[in-house]
Every structure is written in C-alpha cells, then in structure tokens.
PDB file of N, CA and C in Angstrom:
ATOM      1  N   MET A   1      -3.840  26.777  10.733  1.00  0.00           N
ATOM      2  CA  MET A   1      -3.950  25.385  11.086  1.00  0.00           C
ATOM      3  C   MET A   1      -3.622  24.528   9.859  1.00  0.00           C
ATOM      4  N   LEU A   2      -2.914  23.456  10.078  1.00  0.00           N
ATOM      5  CA  LEU A   2      -2.540  22.562   8.985  1.00  0.00           C
ATOM      6  C   LEU A   2      -3.641  21.539   8.734  1.00  0.00           C
ATOM      7  N   HIS A   3      -3.938  21.350   7.481  1.00  0.00           N
ATOM      8  CA  HIS A   3      -4.893  20.320   7.076  1.00  0.00           C
ATOM      9  C   HIS A   3      -4.154  19.304   6.214  1.00  0.00           C
ATOM     10  N   ILE A   4      -4.271  18.056   6.588  1.00  0.00           N
ATOM     11  CA  ILE A   4      -3.621  16.994   5.829  1.00  0.00           C
ATOM     12  C   ILE A   4      -4.688  16.242   5.049  1.00  0.00           C
ATOM     13  N   ILE A   5      -4.510  16.187   3.753  1.00  0.00           N
ATOM     14  CA  ILE A   5      -5.450  15.500   2.869  1.00  0.00           C
ATOM     15  C   ILE A   5      -4.905  14.109   2.591  1.00  0.00           C
ATOM     16  N   LYS A   6      -5.741  13.089   2.798  1.00  0.00           N
ATOM     17  CA  LYS A   6      -5.336  11.704   2.541  1.00  0.00           C
ATOM     18  C   LYS A   6      -6.098  11.184   1.328  1.00  0.00           C
ATOM     19  N   LYS A   7      -5.355  10.674   0.357  1.00  0.00           N
ATOM     20  CA  LYS A   7      -5.968  10.065  -0.820  1.00  0.00           C
ATOM     21  C   LYS A   7      -5.434   8.642  -0.943  1.00  0.00           C
ATOM     22  N   GLU A   8      -6.323   7.696  -1.069  1.00  0.00           N
ATOM     23  CA  GLU A   8      -5.905   6.300  -1.179  1.00  0.00           C
ATOM     24  C   GLU A   8      -5.396   6.013  -2.576  1.00  0.00           C
ATOM     25  N   ILE A   9      -4.296   5.265  -2.644  1.00  0.00           N
ATOM     26  CA  ILE A   9      -3.717   4.855  -3.914  1.00  0.00           C
ATOM     27  C   ILE A   9      -4.120   3.404  -4.143  1.00  0.00           C
ATOM     28  N   ASN A  10      -4.752   3.136  -5.252  1.00  0.00           N
ATOM     29  CA  ASN A  10      -5.165   1.764  -5.552  1.00  0.00           C
ATOM     30  C   ASN A  10      -4.017   0.987  -6.178  1.00  0.00           C
ATOM     31  N   MET A  11      -3.896  -0.254  -5.749  1.00  0.00           N
ATOM     32  CA  MET A  11      -2.871  -1.141  -6.295  1.00  0.00           C
ATOM     33  C   MET A  11      -3.370  -1.662  -7.641  1.00  0.00           C
ATOM     34  N   SER A  12      -2.478  -1.771  -8.596  1.00  0.00           N
ATOM     35  CA  SER A  12      -2.888  -2.258  -9.914  1.00  0.00           C
ATOM     36  C   SER A  12      -3.344  -3.714  -9.813  1.00  0.00           C
ATOM     37  N   LYS A  13      -4.278  -4.070 -10.653  1.00  0.00           N
ATOM     38  CA  LYS A  13      -4.823  -5.427 -10.638  1.00  0.00           C
ATOM     39  C   LYS A  13      -3.754  -6.459 -10.987  1.00  0.00           C
ATOM     40  N   GLU A  14      -2.843  -6.081 -11.861  1.00  0.00           N
ATOM     41  CA  GLU A  14      -1.769  -6.986 -12.263  1.00  0.00           C
ATOM     42  C   GLU A  14      -0.846  -7.310 -11.085  1.00  0.00           C
ATOM     43  N   LEU A  15      -0.453  -6.289 -10.332  1.00  0.00           N
ATOM     44  CA  LEU A  15       0.405  -6.497  -9.173  1.00  0.00           C
ATOM     45  C   LEU A  15      -0.317  -7.294  -8.096  1.00  0.00           C
ATOM     46  N   LEU A  16      -1.576  -6.975  -7.868  1.00  0.00           N
ATOM     47  CA  LEU A  16      -2.375  -7.694  -6.873  1.00  0.00           C
ATOM     48  C   LEU A  16      -2.511  -9.168  -7.228  1.00  0.00           C
ATOM     49  N   SER A  17      -2.728  -9.472  -8.494  1.00  0.00           N
ATOM     50  CA  SER A  17      -2.868 -10.868  -8.900  1.00  0.00           C
ATOM     51  C   SER A  17      -1.545 -11.622  -8.763  1.00  0.00           C
ATOM     52  N   LYS A  18      -0.411 -10.950  -9.011  1.00  0.00           N
ATOM     53  CA  LYS A  18       0.896 -11.592  -8.847  1.00  0.00           C
ATOM     54  C   LYS A  18       1.165 -11.925  -7.382  1.00  0.00           C
ATOM     55  N   ILE A  19       0.811 -11.024  -6.481  1.00  0.00           N
ATOM     56  CA  ILE A  19       0.996 -11.278  -5.052  1.00  0.00           C
ATOM     57  C   ILE A  19       0.116 -12.434  -4.599  1.00  0.00           C
ATOM     58  N   GLU A  20      -1.145 -12.415  -5.008  1.00  0.00           N
ATOM     59  CA  GLU A  20      -2.064 -13.485  -4.618  1.00  0.00           C
ATOM     60  C   GLU A  20      -1.650 -14.827  -5.211  1.00  0.00           C
ATOM     61  N   TRP A  21      -1.166 -14.833  -6.438  1.00  0.00           N
ATOM     62  CA  TRP A  21      -0.732 -16.076  -7.074  1.00  0.00           C
ATOM     63  C   TRP A  21       0.465 -16.673  -6.332  1.00  0.00           C
ATOM     64  N   THR A  22       1.430 -15.814  -5.974  1.00  0.00           N
ATOM     65  CA  THR A  22       2.611 -16.277  -5.255  1.00  0.00           C
ATOM     66  C   THR A  22       2.233 -16.848  -3.890  1.00  0.00           C
ATOM     67  N   CYS A  23       1.349 -16.176  -3.191  1.00  0.00           N
ATOM     68  CA  CYS A  23       0.931 -16.647  -1.871  1.00  0.00           C
ATOM     69  C   CYS A  23       0.093 -17.921  -1.972  1.00  0.00           C
ATOM     70  N   LYS A  24      -0.655 -18.054  -3.046  1.00  0.00           N
ATOM     71  CA  LYS A  24      -1.452 -19.264  -3.259  1.00  0.00           C
ATOM     72  C   LYS A  24      -0.545 -20.475  -3.448  1.00  0.00           C
ATOM     73  N   MET A  25       0.577 -20.278  -4.133  1.00  0.00           N
ATOM     74  CA  MET A  25       1.532 -21.366  -4.334  1.00  0.00           C
ATOM     75  C   MET A  25       2.154 -21.811  -3.010  1.00  0.00           C
ATOM     76  N   LYS A  26       2.357 -20.864  -2.102  1.00  0.00           N
ATOM     77  CA  LYS A  26       2.938 -21.167  -0.795  1.00  0.00           C
ATOM     78  C   LYS A  26       1.877 -21.503   0.253  1.00  0.00           C
ATOM     79  N   LYS A  27       0.597 -21.433  -0.147  1.00  0.00           N
ATOM     80  CA  LYS A  27      -0.547 -21.756   0.719  1.00  0.00           C
ATOM     81  C   LYS A  27      -0.592 -20.882   1.972  1.00  0.00           C
ATOM     82  N   VAL A  28      -0.424 -19.568   1.765  1.00  0.00           N
ATOM     83  CA  VAL A  28      -0.546 -18.588   2.842  1.00  0.00           C
ATOM     84  C   VAL A  28      -1.526 -17.505   2.417  1.00  0.00           C
ATOM     85  N   LYS A  29      -2.083 -16.817   3.377  1.00  0.00           N
ATOM     86  CA  LYS A  29      -3.034 -15.746   3.106  1.00  0.00           C
ATOM     87  C   LYS A  29      -2.353 -14.403   3.385  1.00  0.00           C
ATOM     88  N   PRO A  30      -2.180 -13.560   2.365  1.00  0.00           N
ATOM     89  CA  PRO A  30      -1.537 -12.261   2.592  1.00  0.00           C
ATOM     90  C   PRO A  30      -2.536 -11.242   3.140  1.00  0.00           C
ATOM     91  N   GLU A  31      -2.037 -10.308   3.921  1.00  0.00           N
ATOM     92  CA  GLU A  31      -2.841  -9.169   4.356  1.00  0.00           C
ATOM     93  C   GLU A  31      -2.334  -7.967   3.580  1.00  0.00           C
ATOM     94  N   ILE A  32      -3.185  -7.389   2.737  1.00  0.00           N
ATOM     95  CA  ILE A  32      -2.775  -6.307   1.840  1.00  0.00           C
ATOM     96  C   ILE A  32      -3.412  -5.000   2.305  1.00  0.00           C
ATOM     97  N   ILE A  33      -2.577  -3.967   2.502  1.00  0.00           N
ATOM     98  CA  ILE A  33      -3.041  -2.651   2.923  1.00  0.00           C
ATOM     99  C   ILE A  33      -2.625  -1.655   1.849  1.00  0.00           C
ATOM    100  N   ASN A  34      -3.600  -0.977   1.254  1.00  0.00           N
ATOM    101  CA  ASN A  34      -3.300   0.002   0.206  1.00  0.00           C
ATOM    102  C   ASN A  34      -2.565   1.207   0.774  1.00  0.00           C
ATOM    103  N   GLY A  35      -1.692   1.776  -0.026  1.00  0.00           N
ATOM    104  CA  GLY A  35      -0.947   2.957   0.368  1.00  0.00           C
ATOM    105  C   GLY A  35      -1.787   4.216   0.246  1.00  0.00           C
ATOM    106  N   THR A  36      -1.263   5.318   0.770  1.00  0.00           N
ATOM    107  CA  THR A  36      -1.971   6.591   0.696  1.00  0.00           C
ATOM    108  C   THR A  36      -1.016   7.700   0.263  1.00  0.00           C
ATOM    109  N   LEU A  37      -1.604   8.748  -0.250  1.00  0.00           N
ATOM    110  CA  LEU A  37      -0.886   9.966  -0.573  1.00  0.00           C
ATOM    111  C   LEU A  37      -1.352  11.010   0.427  1.00  0.00           C
ATOM    112  N   ARG A  38      -0.431  11.574   1.183  1.00  0.00           N
ATOM    113  CA  ARG A  38      -0.776  12.580   2.191  1.00  0.00           C
ATOM    114  C   ARG A  38      -0.218  13.922   1.730  1.00  0.00           C
ATOM    115  N   ILE A  39      -1.088  14.898   1.629  1.00  0.00           N
ATOM    116  CA  ILE A  39      -0.710  16.226   1.152  1.00  0.00           C
ATOM    117  C   ILE A  39      -1.022  17.241   2.244  1.00  0.00           C
ATOM    118  N   VAL A  40      -0.041  18.086   2.574  1.00  0.00           N
ATOM    119  CA  VAL A  40      -0.264  19.162   3.530  1.00  0.00           C
ATOM    120  C   VAL A  40      -0.786  20.354   2.727  1.00  0.00           C
ATOM    121  N   GLU A  41      -1.994  20.766   3.050  1.00  0.00           N
ATOM    122  CA  GLU A  41      -2.676  21.809   2.291  1.00  0.00           C
ATOM    123  C   GLU A  41      -1.929  23.143   2.396  1.00  0.00           C
ATOM    124  N   HIS A  42      -1.899  23.885   1.309  1.00  0.00           N
ATOM    125  CA  HIS A  42      -1.276  25.210   1.176  1.00  0.00           C
ATOM    126  C   HIS A  42       0.256  25.162   1.282  1.00  0.00           C
ATOM    127  N   THR A  43       0.838  23.992   1.057  1.00  0.00           N
ATOM    128  CA  THR A  43       2.296  23.870   1.015  1.00  0.00           C
ATOM    129  C   THR A  43       2.650  22.971  -0.171  1.00  0.00           C
ATOM    130  N   ASN A  44       3.919  22.775  -0.386  1.00  0.00           N
ATOM    131  CA  ASN A  44       4.344  21.853  -1.443  1.00  0.00           C
ATOM    132  C   ASN A  44       4.833  20.533  -0.850  1.00  0.00           C
ATOM    133  N   LEU A  45       4.394  20.204   0.363  1.00  0.00           N
ATOM    134  CA  LEU A  45       4.794  18.971   1.031  1.00  0.00           C
ATOM    135  C   LEU A  45       3.818  17.843   0.727  1.00  0.00           C
ATOM    136  N   ALA A  46       4.366  16.699   0.406  1.00  0.00           N
ATOM    137  CA  ALA A  46       3.554  15.509   0.157  1.00  0.00           C
ATOM    138  C   ALA A  46       4.351  14.285   0.583  1.00  0.00           C
ATOM    139  N   TYR A  47       3.642  13.258   1.028  1.00  0.00           N
ATOM    140  CA  TYR A  47       4.271  12.016   1.464  1.00  0.00           C
ATOM    141  C   TYR A  47       3.506  10.853   0.855  1.00  0.00           C
ATOM    142  N   VAL A  48       4.230   9.940   0.243  1.00  0.00           N
ATOM    143  CA  VAL A  48       3.610   8.744  -0.326  1.00  0.00           C
ATOM    144  C   VAL A  48       3.884   7.579   0.619  1.00  0.00           C
ATOM    145  N   GLU A  49       2.812   7.042   1.173  1.00  0.00           N
ATOM    146  CA  GLU A  49       2.932   5.866   2.026  1.00  0.00           C
ATOM    147  C   GLU A  49       2.775   4.650   1.133  1.00  0.00           C
ATOM    148  N   PRO A  50       3.754   3.755   1.088  1.00  0.00           N
ATOM    149  CA  PRO A  50       3.694   2.624   0.163  1.00  0.00           C
ATOM    150  C   PRO A  50       2.647   1.587   0.558  1.00  0.00           C
ATOM    151  N   HIS A  51       2.308   0.730  -0.398  1.00  0.00           N
ATOM    152  CA  HIS A  51       1.424  -0.397  -0.112  1.00  0.00           C
ATOM    153  C   HIS A  51       2.163  -1.331   0.841  1.00  0.00           C
ATOM    154  N   ARG A  52       1.411  -1.960   1.736  1.00  0.00           N
ATOM    155  CA  ARG A  52       2.021  -2.892   2.683  1.00  0.00           C
ATOM    156  C   ARG A  52       1.391  -4.262   2.514  1.00  0.00           C
ATOM    157  N   VAL A  53       2.231  -5.277   2.503  1.00  0.00           N
ATOM    158  CA  VAL A  53       1.770  -6.661   2.414  1.00  0.00           C
ATOM    159  C   VAL A  53       2.403  -7.414   3.576  1.00  0.00           C
ATOM    160  N   ILE A  54       1.559  -8.062   4.378  1.00  0.00           N
ATOM    161  CA  ILE A  54       2.038  -8.833   5.518  1.00  0.00           C
ATOM    162  C   ILE A  54       1.848 -10.310   5.196  1.00  0.00           C
ATOM    163  N   ILE A  55       2.969 -11.045   5.169  1.00  0.00           N
ATOM    164  CA  ILE A  55       2.949 -12.473   4.877  1.00  0.00           C
ATOM    165  C   ILE A  55       3.739 -13.170   5.979  1.00  0.00           C
ATOM    166  N   LYS A  56       3.072 -14.053   6.695  1.00  0.00           N
ATOM    167  CA  LYS A  56       3.713 -14.818   7.785  1.00  0.00           C
ATOM    168  C   LYS A  56       4.465 -13.890   8.747  1.00  0.00           C
ATOM    169  N   ASP A  57       3.807 -12.863   9.225  1.00  0.00           N
ATOM    170  CA  ASP A  57       4.362 -11.898  10.195  1.00  0.00           C
ATOM    171  C   ASP A  57       5.566 -11.126   9.679  1.00  0.00           C
ATOM    172  N   LYS A  58       5.767 -11.071   8.380  1.00  0.00           N
ATOM    173  CA  LYS A  58       6.826 -10.263   7.774  1.00  0.00           C
ATOM    174  C   LYS A  58       6.165  -9.153   6.963  1.00  0.00           C
ATOM    175  N   LEU A  59       6.673  -7.951   7.112  1.00  0.00           N
ATOM    176  CA  LEU A  59       6.108  -6.787   6.441  1.00  0.00           C
ATOM    177  C   LEU A  59       6.929  -6.470   5.194  1.00  0.00           C
ATOM    178  N   TYR A  60       6.243  -6.300   4.057  1.00  0.00           N
ATOM    179  CA  TYR A  60       6.879  -5.942   2.793  1.00  0.00           C
ATOM    180  C   TYR A  60       6.247  -4.646   2.276  1.00  0.00           C
ATOM    181  N   PHE A  61       7.094  -3.701   1.854  1.00  0.00           N
ATOM    182  CA  PHE A  61       6.629  -2.447   1.266  1.00  0.00           C
ATOM    183  C   PHE A  61       6.692  -2.590  -0.248  1.00  0.00           C
ATOM    184  N   ILE A  62       5.613  -2.185  -0.909  1.00  0.00           N
ATOM    185  CA  ILE A  62       5.536  -2.301  -2.365  1.00  0.00           C
ATOM    186  C   ILE A  62       5.099  -0.955  -2.925  1.00  0.00           C
ATOM    187  N   LEU A  63       5.830  -0.460  -3.896  1.00  0.00           N
ATOM    188  CA  LEU A  63       5.456   0.805  -4.536  1.00  0.00           C
ATOM    189  C   LEU A  63       4.835   0.592  -5.863  1.00  0.00           C
TER     190      LEU A  63
END
C-alpha cells in the first residue's frame, strides 16, 4: 500500500511581507495558502506543491 507523507512548507517572512505590502497598496485582501511537499513512502518520488495566492479571483503560484 502506498503512503503519501505531506509536509507543509512555510513561506518566508520576507516574501509574505512583500505580498501583503503590495496588496495593501492596492487595498485588496490576499488569500495565502502555504505549499506542501508530498513524498511517496519507500520510493524516490516527491512532488512540491507551490504556495498559492489568490488576489481578486486570480490565482498566482509562488515558489
């Protein structure tokens, strides 16, 4: 049976502050979703899901 391990990747404080500062200038509220690292146990497979930022119904991927 396959086991998938999920580990959350934290966004750096510097990047987070830049996103919030930019959105503050435009007077919008961003929705920030942290990315994850998914590892399939007992294999060498891994997938990095990028951070997602939703601003005015537009989705942006940030690594």
